[in-house]
Amino acid sequence: MPTALWIAHVHVTDAEAYGRYAKEAGPAIAAHGGVFLARGGRYVQLEGNDRARNVVARFPSLEKAVECYNSPAYQAALAHAKGASLRDLMVVEEIE
């Protein structure tokens, strides 16, 4: 089964609330086998919409990533991000 990448592009509008999201989301992601590959580091926007915070995490499978997103722990964390950010989030399977 191929691994999958969770890719988020974020514009933070309330840093305090978003900080609470990040603090709670990390353990929820790790509990589902997610490992951060990039988390708000340097980037160059070449095309499309610029969002200053970019996060990439690898999961054991697409299904585990979606399971994480739908988990009670992640949804509780996500409640802090809603209204505190504009986000695009996708999960993409890696090539085997």
PDB file of N, CA and C in Angstrom:
ATOM      1  N   MET A   1       0.845  -1.171   0.000  1.00  0.00           N
ATOM      2  CA  MET A   1       0.000   0.000   0.000  1.00  0.00           C
ATOM      3  C   MET A   1       0.897   1.244   0.000  1.00  0.00           C
ATOM      4  N   PRO A   2       0.649   2.206  -0.896  1.00  0.00           N
ATOM      5  CA  PRO A   2       1.500   3.401  -0.940  1.00  0.00           C
ATOM      6  C   PRO A   2       1.253   4.335   0.250  1.00  0.00           C
ATOM      7  N   THR A   3       2.311   5.036   0.619  1.00  0.00           N
ATOM      8  CA  THR A   3       2.169   6.070   1.632  1.00  0.00           C
ATOM      9  C   THR A   3       1.451   7.266   1.011  1.00  0.00           C
ATOM     10  N   ALA A   4       1.075   8.233   1.851  1.00  0.00           N
ATOM     11  CA  ALA A   4       0.349   9.396   1.356  1.00  0.00           C
ATOM     12  C   ALA A   4       0.872  10.654   2.019  1.00  0.00           C
ATOM     13  N   LEU A   5       0.777  11.743   1.309  1.00  0.00           N
ATOM     14  CA  LEU A   5       1.194  13.043   1.817  1.00  0.00           C
ATOM     15  C   LEU A   5      -0.025  13.902   2.120  1.00  0.00           C
ATOM     16  N   TRP A   6      -0.050  14.460   3.299  1.00  0.00           N
ATOM     17  CA  TRP A   6      -1.060  15.417   3.755  1.00  0.00           C
ATOM     18  C   TRP A   6      -0.428  16.779   3.499  1.00  0.00           C
ATOM     19  N   ILE A   7      -1.030  17.574   2.646  1.00  0.00           N
ATOM     20  CA  ILE A   7      -0.451  18.851   2.240  1.00  0.00           C
ATOM     21  C   ILE A   7      -1.431  19.970   2.579  1.00  0.00           C
ATOM     22  N   ALA A   8      -0.976  20.901   3.397  1.00  0.00           N
ATOM     23  CA  ALA A   8      -1.823  22.027   3.798  1.00  0.00           C
ATOM     24  C   ALA A   8      -1.136  23.335   3.427  1.00  0.00           C
ATOM     25  N   HIS A   9      -1.923  24.252   2.875  1.00  0.00           N
ATOM     26  CA  HIS A   9      -1.475  25.611   2.578  1.00  0.00           C
ATOM     27  C   HIS A   9      -2.371  26.527   3.404  1.00  0.00           C
ATOM     28  N   VAL A  10      -1.767  27.347   4.261  1.00  0.00           N
ATOM     29  CA  VAL A  10      -2.533  28.063   5.281  1.00  0.00           C
ATOM     30  C   VAL A  10      -2.158  29.548   5.328  1.00  0.00           C
ATOM     31  N   HIS A  11      -3.183  30.378   5.460  1.00  0.00           N
ATOM     32  CA  HIS A  11      -3.007  31.797   5.790  1.00  0.00           C
ATOM     33  C   HIS A  11      -3.602  31.979   7.177  1.00  0.00           C
ATOM     34  N   VAL A  12      -2.767  32.262   8.139  1.00  0.00           N
ATOM     35  CA  VAL A  12      -3.207  32.398   9.530  1.00  0.00           C
ATOM     36  C   VAL A  12      -3.737  33.816   9.756  1.00  0.00           C
ATOM     37  N   THR A  13      -4.955  33.907  10.312  1.00  0.00           N
ATOM     38  CA  THR A  13      -5.567  35.206  10.610  1.00  0.00           C
ATOM     39  C   THR A  13      -5.626  35.478  12.108  1.00  0.00           C
ATOM     40  N   ASP A  14      -5.459  34.461  12.930  1.00  0.00           N
ATOM     41  CA  ASP A  14      -5.452  34.604  14.389  1.00  0.00           C
ATOM     42  C   ASP A  14      -4.368  33.672  14.925  1.00  0.00           C
ATOM     43  N   ALA A  15      -3.186  34.233  15.160  1.00  0.00           N
ATOM     44  CA  ALA A  15      -2.024  33.414  15.539  1.00  0.00           C
ATOM     45  C   ALA A  15      -2.228  32.679  16.855  1.00  0.00           C
ATOM     46  N   GLU A  16      -2.886  33.289  17.810  1.00  0.00           N
ATOM     47  CA  GLU A  16      -3.091  32.641  19.109  1.00  0.00           C
ATOM     48  C   GLU A  16      -3.975  31.402  18.977  1.00  0.00           C
ATOM     49  N   ALA A  17      -5.105  31.542  18.315  1.00  0.00           N
ATOM     50  CA  ALA A  17      -6.008  30.404  18.125  1.00  0.00           C
ATOM     51  C   ALA A  17      -5.349  29.337  17.260  1.00  0.00           C
ATOM     52  N   TYR A  18      -4.620  29.757  16.229  1.00  0.00           N
ATOM     53  CA  TYR A  18      -3.977  28.778  15.353  1.00  0.00           C
ATOM     54  C   TYR A  18      -2.871  28.038  16.098  1.00  0.00           C
ATOM     55  N   GLY A  19      -2.224  28.714  17.022  1.00  0.00           N
ATOM     56  CA  GLY A  19      -1.220  28.049  17.850  1.00  0.00           C
ATOM     57  C   GLY A  19      -1.820  26.926  18.678  1.00  0.00           C
ATOM     58  N   ARG A  20      -3.051  27.137  19.185  1.00  0.00           N
ATOM     59  CA  ARG A  20      -3.731  26.070  19.923  1.00  0.00           C
ATOM     60  C   ARG A  20      -4.026  24.895  18.991  1.00  0.00           C
ATOM     61  N   TYR A  21      -4.440  25.192  17.757  1.00  0.00           N
ATOM     62  CA  TYR A  21      -4.666  24.133  16.774  1.00  0.00           C
ATOM     63  C   TYR A  21      -3.381  23.323  16.570  1.00  0.00           C
ATOM     64  N   ALA A  22      -2.275  24.014  16.290  1.00  0.00           N
ATOM     65  CA  ALA A  22      -1.015  23.322  15.996  1.00  0.00           C
ATOM     66  C   ALA A  22      -0.567  22.456  17.165  1.00  0.00           C
ATOM     67  N   LYS A  23      -0.736  22.966  18.385  1.00  0.00           N
ATOM     68  CA  LYS A  23      -0.327  22.210  19.571  1.00  0.00           C
ATOM     69  C   LYS A  23      -1.113  20.908  19.700  1.00  0.00           C
ATOM     70  N   GLU A  24      -2.409  20.950  19.403  1.00  0.00           N
ATOM     71  CA  GLU A  24      -3.244  19.751  19.524  1.00  0.00           C
ATOM     72  C   GLU A  24      -3.192  18.861  18.279  1.00  0.00           C
ATOM     73  N   ALA A  25      -2.999  19.451  17.120  1.00  0.00           N
ATOM     74  CA  ALA A  25      -3.005  18.667  15.875  1.00  0.00           C
ATOM     75  C   ALA A  25      -1.793  17.746  15.779  1.00  0.00           C
ATOM     76  N   GLY A  26      -0.632  18.203  16.244  1.00  0.00           N
ATOM     77  CA  GLY A  26       0.585  17.394  16.150  1.00  0.00           C
ATOM     78  C   GLY A  26       0.431  16.012  16.757  1.00  0.00           C
ATOM     79  N   PRO A  27      -0.015  15.910  18.016  1.00  0.00           N
ATOM     80  CA  PRO A  27      -0.200  14.586  18.613  1.00  0.00           C
ATOM     81  C   PRO A  27      -1.271  13.745  17.898  1.00  0.00           C
ATOM     82  N   ALA A  28      -2.322  14.390  17.410  1.00  0.00           N
ATOM     83  CA  ALA A  28      -3.367  13.642  16.694  1.00  0.00           C
ATOM     84  C   ALA A  28      -2.808  13.056  15.402  1.00  0.00           C
ATOM     85  N   ILE A  29      -1.992  13.828  14.720  1.00  0.00           N
ATOM     86  CA  ILE A  29      -1.371  13.358  13.475  1.00  0.00           C
ATOM     87  C   ILE A  29      -0.396  12.218  13.777  1.00  0.00           C
ATOM     88  N   ALA A  30       0.427  12.385  14.793  1.00  0.00           N
ATOM     89  CA  ALA A  30       1.388  11.331  15.162  1.00  0.00           C
ATOM     90  C   ALA A  30       0.686  10.046  15.573  1.00  0.00           C
ATOM     91  N   ALA A  31      -0.455  10.168  16.248  1.00  0.00           N
ATOM     92  CA  ALA A  31      -1.204   8.982  16.687  1.00  0.00           C
ATOM     93  C   ALA A  31      -1.710   8.143  15.520  1.00  0.00           C
ATOM     94  N   HIS A  32      -1.781   8.734  14.336  1.00  0.00           N
ATOM     95  CA  HIS A  32      -2.232   8.006  13.146  1.00  0.00           C
ATOM     96  C   HIS A  32      -1.075   7.678  12.206  1.00  0.00           C
ATOM     97  N   GLY A  33       0.135   7.762  12.733  1.00  0.00           N
ATOM     98  CA  GLY A  33       1.311   7.399  11.948  1.00  0.00           C
ATOM     99  C   GLY A  33       1.859   8.522  11.102  1.00  0.00           C
ATOM    100  N   GLY A  34       1.342   9.735  11.279  1.00  0.00           N
ATOM    101  CA  GLY A  34       1.823  10.867  10.502  1.00  0.00           C
ATOM    102  C   GLY A  34       3.161  11.382  11.012  1.00  0.00           C
ATOM    103  N   VAL A  35       4.030  11.731  10.073  1.00  0.00           N
ATOM    104  CA  VAL A  35       5.354  12.279  10.378  1.00  0.00           C
ATOM    105  C   VAL A  35       5.501  13.563   9.568  1.00  0.00           C
ATOM    106  N   PHE A  36       5.846  14.662  10.241  1.00  0.00           N
ATOM    107  CA  PHE A  36       5.997  15.937   9.536  1.00  0.00           C
ATOM    108  C   PHE A  36       7.269  15.944   8.700  1.00  0.00           C
ATOM    109  N   LEU A  37       7.133  16.366   7.450  1.00  0.00           N
ATOM    110  CA  LEU A  37       8.267  16.543   6.550  1.00  0.00           C
ATOM    111  C   LEU A  37       8.586  18.021   6.384  1.00  0.00           C
ATOM    112  N   ALA A  38       7.573  18.867   6.460  1.00  0.00           N
ATOM    113  CA  ALA A  38       7.740  20.325   6.390  1.00  0.00           C
ATOM    114  C   ALA A  38       6.647  20.930   7.251  1.00  0.00           C
ATOM    115  N   ARG A  39       7.024  21.985   7.974  1.00  0.00           N
ATOM    116  CA  ARG A  39       6.043  22.603   8.872  1.00  0.00           C
ATOM    117  C   ARG A  39       6.373  24.086   9.036  1.00  0.00           C
ATOM    118  N   GLY A  40       5.898  24.879   8.067  1.00  0.00           N
ATOM    119  CA  GLY A  40       6.060  26.321   8.152  1.00  0.00           C
ATOM    120  C   GLY A  40       7.442  26.838   7.814  1.00  0.00           C
ATOM    121  N   GLY A  41       8.242  26.070   7.100  1.00  0.00           N
ATOM    122  CA  GLY A  41       9.596  26.496   6.759  1.00  0.00           C
ATOM    123  C   GLY A  41       9.640  27.423   5.555  1.00  0.00           C
ATOM    124  N   ARG A  42      10.834  27.679   5.100  1.00  0.00           N
ATOM    125  CA  ARG A  42      11.045  28.533   3.922  1.00  0.00           C
ATOM    126  C   ARG A  42      10.399  27.904   2.701  1.00  0.00           C
ATOM    127  N   TYR A  43       9.946  28.752   1.804  1.00  0.00           N
ATOM    128  CA  TYR A  43       9.333  28.279   0.562  1.00  0.00           C
ATOM    129  C   TYR A  43       9.442  29.361  -0.499  1.00  0.00           C
ATOM    130  N   VAL A  44       9.214  28.989  -1.742  1.00  0.00           N
ATOM    131  CA  VAL A  44       9.139  29.925  -2.861  1.00  0.00           C
ATOM    132  C   VAL A  44       7.826  29.643  -3.574  1.00  0.00           C
ATOM    133  N   GLN A  45       6.960  30.637  -3.671  1.00  0.00           N
ATOM    134  CA  GLN A  45       5.686  30.495  -4.366  1.00  0.00           C
ATOM    135  C   GLN A  45       5.927  30.742  -5.848  1.00  0.00           C
ATOM    136  N   LEU A  46       5.727  29.730  -6.673  1.00  0.00           N
ATOM    137  CA  LEU A  46       5.974  29.859  -8.105  1.00  0.00           C
ATOM    138  C   LEU A  46       4.689  30.070  -8.896  1.00  0.00           C
ATOM    139  N   GLU A  47       3.583  29.500  -8.435  1.00  0.00           N
ATOM    140  CA  GLU A  47       2.299  29.654  -9.114  1.00  0.00           C
ATOM    141  C   GLU A  47       1.190  29.609  -8.083  1.00  0.00           C
ATOM    142  N   GLY A  48       0.018  30.090  -8.447  1.00  0.00           N
ATOM    143  CA  GLY A  48      -1.164  29.951  -7.607  1.00  0.00           C
ATOM    144  C   GLY A  48      -1.194  30.911  -6.432  1.00  0.00           C
ATOM    145  N   ASN A  49      -2.051  30.595  -5.482  1.00  0.00           N
ATOM    146  CA  ASN A  49      -2.282  31.439  -4.316  1.00  0.00           C
ATOM    147  C   ASN A  49      -1.179  31.270  -3.279  1.00  0.00           C
ATOM    148  N   ASP A  50      -0.675  32.394  -2.803  1.00  0.00           N
ATOM    149  CA  ASP A  50       0.378  32.372  -1.799  1.00  0.00           C
ATOM    150  C   ASP A  50      -0.235  32.288  -0.406  1.00  0.00           C
ATOM    151  N   ARG A  51       0.141  31.265   0.325  1.00  0.00           N
ATOM    152  CA  ARG A  51      -0.240  31.118   1.728  1.00  0.00           C
ATOM    153  C   ARG A  51       1.052  30.845   2.488  1.00  0.00           C
ATOM    154  N   ALA A  52       1.326  31.671   3.474  1.00  0.00           N
ATOM    155  CA  ALA A  52       2.647  31.694   4.105  1.00  0.00           C
ATOM    156  C   ALA A  52       2.987  30.460   4.934  1.00  0.00           C
ATOM    157  N   ARG A  53       2.002  29.682   5.344  1.00  0.00           N
ATOM    158  CA  ARG A  53       2.296  28.488   6.152  1.00  0.00           C
ATOM    159  C   ARG A  53       1.985  27.262   5.303  1.00  0.00           C
ATOM    160  N   ASN A  54       2.971  26.413   5.142  1.00  0.00           N
ATOM    161  CA  ASN A  54       2.837  25.198   4.347  1.00  0.00           C
ATOM    162  C   ASN A  54       3.292  24.021   5.185  1.00  0.00           C
ATOM    163  N   VAL A  55       2.468  22.977   5.210  1.00  0.00           N
ATOM    164  CA  VAL A  55       2.745  21.818   6.049  1.00  0.00           C
ATOM    165  C   VAL A  55       2.604  20.553   5.198  1.00  0.00           C
ATOM    166  N   VAL A  56       3.573  19.661   5.326  1.00  0.00           N
ATOM    167  CA  VAL A  56       3.524  18.367   4.651  1.00  0.00           C
ATOM    168  C   VAL A  56       3.806  17.288   5.696  1.00  0.00           C
ATOM    169  N   ALA A  57       2.933  16.295   5.754  1.00  0.00           N
ATOM    170  CA  ALA A  57       3.141  15.147   6.642  1.00  0.00           C
ATOM    171  C   ALA A  57       2.952  13.870   5.832  1.00  0.00           C
ATOM    172  N   ARG A  58       3.746  12.877   6.131  1.00  0.00           N
ATOM    173  CA  ARG A  58       3.617  11.572   5.464  1.00  0.00           C
ATOM    174  C   ARG A  58       2.862  10.627   6.389  1.00  0.00           C
ATOM    175  N   PHE A  59       1.898   9.907   5.817  1.00  0.00           N
ATOM    176  CA  PHE A  59       1.116   8.902   6.535  1.00  0.00           C
ATOM    177  C   PHE A  59       1.353   7.535   5.908  1.00  0.00           C
ATOM    178  N   PRO A  60       1.111   6.466   6.666  1.00  0.00           N
ATOM    179  CA  PRO A  60       1.296   5.119   6.131  1.00  0.00           C
ATOM    180  C   PRO A  60       0.417   4.823   4.914  1.00  0.00           C
ATOM    181  N   SER A  61      -0.722   5.509   4.797  1.00  0.00           N
ATOM    182  CA  SER A  61      -1.626   5.298   3.663  1.00  0.00           C
ATOM    183  C   SER A  61      -2.576   6.479   3.563  1.00  0.00           C
ATOM    184  N   LEU A  62      -3.226   6.592   2.423  1.00  0.00           N
ATOM    185  CA  LEU A  62      -4.257   7.612   2.246  1.00  0.00           C
ATOM    186  C   LEU A  62      -5.370   7.404   3.260  1.00  0.00           C
ATOM    187  N   GLU A  63      -5.722   6.173   3.489  1.00  0.00           N
ATOM    188  CA  GLU A  63      -6.793   5.859   4.435  1.00  0.00           C
ATOM    189  C   GLU A  63      -6.452   6.301   5.854  1.00  0.00           C
ATOM    190  N   LYS A  64      -5.199   6.111   6.277  1.00  0.00           N
ATOM    191  CA  LYS A  64      -4.796   6.540   7.623  1.00  0.00           C
ATOM    192  C   LYS A  64      -4.834   8.062   7.746  1.00  0.00           C
ATOM    193  N   ALA A  65      -4.476   8.767   6.684  1.00  0.00           N
ATOM    194  CA  ALA A  65      -4.526  10.226   6.705  1.00  0.00           C
ATOM    195  C   ALA A  65      -5.969  10.718   6.833  1.00  0.00           C
ATOM    196  N   VAL A  66      -6.871  10.114   6.082  1.00  0.00           N
ATOM    197  CA  VAL A  66      -8.283  10.502   6.158  1.00  0.00           C
ATOM    198  C   VAL A  66      -8.859  10.111   7.519  1.00  0.00           C
ATOM    199  N   GLU A  67      -8.460   8.957   8.026  1.00  0.00           N
ATOM    200  CA  GLU A  67      -8.886   8.526   9.364  1.00  0.00           C
ATOM    201  C   GLU A  67      -8.436   9.545  10.417  1.00  0.00           C
ATOM    202  N   CYS A  68      -7.217  10.037  10.274  1.00  0.00           N
ATOM    203  CA  CYS A  68      -6.718  11.064  11.190  1.00  0.00           C
ATOM    204  C   CYS A  68      -7.586  12.307  11.118  1.00  0.00           C
ATOM    205  N   TYR A  69      -7.851  12.779   9.916  1.00  0.00           N
ATOM    206  CA  TYR A  69      -8.652  13.994   9.744  1.00  0.00           C
ATOM    207  C   TYR A  69     -10.008  13.859  10.415  1.00  0.00           C
ATOM    208  N   ASN A  70     -10.618  12.706  10.286  1.00  0.00           N
ATOM    209  CA  ASN A  70     -11.959  12.482  10.834  1.00  0.00           C
ATOM    210  C   ASN A  70     -11.963  12.089  12.307  1.00  0.00           C
ATOM    211  N   SER A  71     -10.794  11.906  12.905  1.00  0.00           N
ATOM    212  CA  SER A  71     -10.717  11.459  14.298  1.00  0.00           C
ATOM    213  C   SER A  71     -11.211  12.553  15.252  1.00  0.00           C
ATOM    214  N   PRO A  72     -11.759  12.145  16.383  1.00  0.00           N
ATOM    215  CA  PRO A  72     -12.205  13.134  17.379  1.00  0.00           C
ATOM    216  C   PRO A  72     -11.071  14.063  17.837  1.00  0.00           C
ATOM    217  N   ALA A  73      -9.876  13.532  17.995  1.00  0.00           N
ATOM    218  CA  ALA A  73      -8.760  14.364  18.470  1.00  0.00           C
ATOM    219  C   ALA A  73      -8.404  15.434  17.442  1.00  0.00           C
ATOM    220  N   TYR A  74      -8.338  15.055  16.164  1.00  0.00           N
ATOM    221  CA  TYR A  74      -7.992  16.053  15.149  1.00  0.00           C
ATOM    222  C   TYR A  74      -9.135  17.053  14.972  1.00  0.00           C
ATOM    223  N   GLN A  75     -10.354  16.591  14.992  1.00  0.00           N
ATOM    224  CA  GLN A  75     -11.492  17.503  14.849  1.00  0.00           C
ATOM    225  C   GLN A  75     -11.544  18.513  15.996  1.00  0.00           C
ATOM    226  N   ALA A  76     -11.184  18.089  17.199  1.00  0.00           N
ATOM    227  CA  ALA A  76     -11.122  19.015  18.332  1.00  0.00           C
ATOM    228  C   ALA A  76     -10.046  20.076  18.087  1.00  0.00           C
ATOM    229  N   ALA A  77      -8.899  19.663  17.564  1.00  0.00           N
ATOM    230  CA  ALA A  77      -7.834  20.610  17.236  1.00  0.00           C
ATOM    231  C   ALA A  77      -8.293  21.555  16.127  1.00  0.00           C
ATOM    232  N   LEU A  78      -8.930  20.995  15.119  1.00  0.00           N
ATOM    233  CA  LEU A  78      -9.366  21.772  13.965  1.00  0.00           C
ATOM    234  C   LEU A  78     -10.345  22.876  14.342  1.00  0.00           C
ATOM    235  N   ALA A  79     -11.093  22.681  15.393  1.00  0.00           N
ATOM    236  CA  ALA A  79     -12.034  23.703  15.848  1.00  0.00           C
ATOM    237  C   ALA A  79     -11.314  25.021  16.146  1.00  0.00           C
ATOM    238  N   HIS A  80     -10.049  24.955  16.572  1.00  0.00           N
ATOM    239  CA  HIS A  80      -9.267  26.165  16.839  1.00  0.00           C
ATOM    240  C   HIS A  80      -8.838  26.859  15.550  1.00  0.00           C
ATOM    241  N   ALA A  81      -8.641  26.098  14.475  1.00  0.00           N
ATOM    242  CA  ALA A  81      -8.179  26.664  13.209  1.00  0.00           C
ATOM    243  C   ALA A  81      -9.314  27.325  12.430  1.00  0.00           C
ATOM    244  N   LYS A  82     -10.516  26.818  12.605  1.00  0.00           N
ATOM    245  CA  LYS A  82     -11.659  27.401  11.896  1.00  0.00           C
ATOM    246  C   LYS A  82     -11.901  28.804  12.435  1.00  0.00           C
ATOM    247  N   GLY A  83     -11.985  29.761  11.558  1.00  0.00           N
ATOM    248  CA  GLY A  83     -12.125  31.142  11.969  1.00  0.00           C
ATOM    249  C   GLY A  83     -10.797  31.812  12.295  1.00  0.00           C
ATOM    250  N   ALA A  84      -9.720  31.024  12.350  1.00  0.00           N
ATOM    251  CA  ALA A  84      -8.394  31.561  12.642  1.00  0.00           C
ATOM    252  C   ALA A  84      -7.452  31.419  11.447  1.00  0.00           C
ATOM    253  N   SER A  85      -7.984  30.889  10.328  1.00  0.00           N
ATOM    254  CA  SER A  85      -7.128  30.661   9.174  1.00  0.00           C
ATOM    255  C   SER A  85      -7.972  30.414   7.924  1.00  0.00           C
ATOM    256  N   LEU A  86      -7.322  30.603   6.791  1.00  0.00           N
ATOM    257  CA  LEU A  86      -7.850  30.165   5.498  1.00  0.00           C
ATOM    258  C   LEU A  86      -6.946  29.018   5.085  1.00  0.00           C
ATOM    259  N   ARG A  87      -7.541  27.856   4.788  1.00  0.00           N
ATOM    260  CA  ARG A  87      -6.734  26.650   4.568  1.00  0.00           C
ATOM    261  C   ARG A  87      -7.183  25.889   3.331  1.00  0.00           C
ATOM    262  N   ASP A  88      -6.219  25.293   2.690  1.00  0.00           N
ATOM    263  CA  ASP A  88      -6.452  24.265   1.681  1.00  0.00           C
ATOM    264  C   ASP A  88      -5.730  23.036   2.194  1.00  0.00           C
ATOM    265  N   LEU A  89      -6.407  21.901   2.171  1.00  0.00           N
ATOM    266  CA  LEU A  89      -5.811  20.657   2.666  1.00  0.00           C
ATOM    267  C   LEU A  89      -6.154  19.533   1.708  1.00  0.00           C
ATOM    268  N   MET A  90      -5.156  18.753   1.354  1.00  0.00           N
ATOM    269  CA  MET A  90      -5.376  17.594   0.500  1.00  0.00           C
ATOM    270  C   MET A  90      -4.492  16.445   0.961  1.00  0.00           C
ATOM    271  N   VAL A  91      -4.870  15.251   0.566  1.00  0.00           N
ATOM    272  CA  VAL A  91      -4.048  14.073   0.792  1.00  0.00           C
ATOM    273  C   VAL A  91      -3.788  13.441  -0.573  1.00  0.00           C
ATOM    274  N   VAL A  92      -2.530  13.150  -0.854  1.00  0.00           N
ATOM    275  CA  VAL A  92      -2.131  12.609  -2.144  1.00  0.00           C
ATOM    276  C   VAL A  92      -1.302  11.349  -1.927  1.00  0.00           C
ATOM    277  N   GLU A  93      -1.660  10.273  -2.618  1.00  0.00           N
ATOM    278  CA  GLU A  93      -0.848   9.046  -2.527  1.00  0.00           C
ATOM    279  C   GLU A  93       0.492   9.271  -3.207  1.00  0.00           C
ATOM    280  N   GLU A  94       1.517   8.703  -2.596  1.00  0.00           N
ATOM    281  CA  GLU A  94       2.850   8.746  -3.200  1.00  0.00           C
ATOM    282  C   GLU A  94       2.987   7.628  -4.229  1.00  0.00           C
ATOM    283  N   ILE A  95       3.917   7.804  -5.134  1.00  0.00           N
ATOM    284  CA  ILE A  95       4.200   6.775  -6.130  1.00  0.00           C
ATOM    285  C   ILE A  95       4.973   5.655  -5.463  1.00  0.00           C
ATOM    286  N   GLU A  96       4.580   4.421  -5.738  1.00  0.00           N
ATOM    287  CA  GLU A  96       5.294   3.278  -5.135  1.00  0.00           C
ATOM    288  C   GLU A  96       6.561   2.995  -5.899  1.00  0.00           C
TER     289      GLU A  96
END
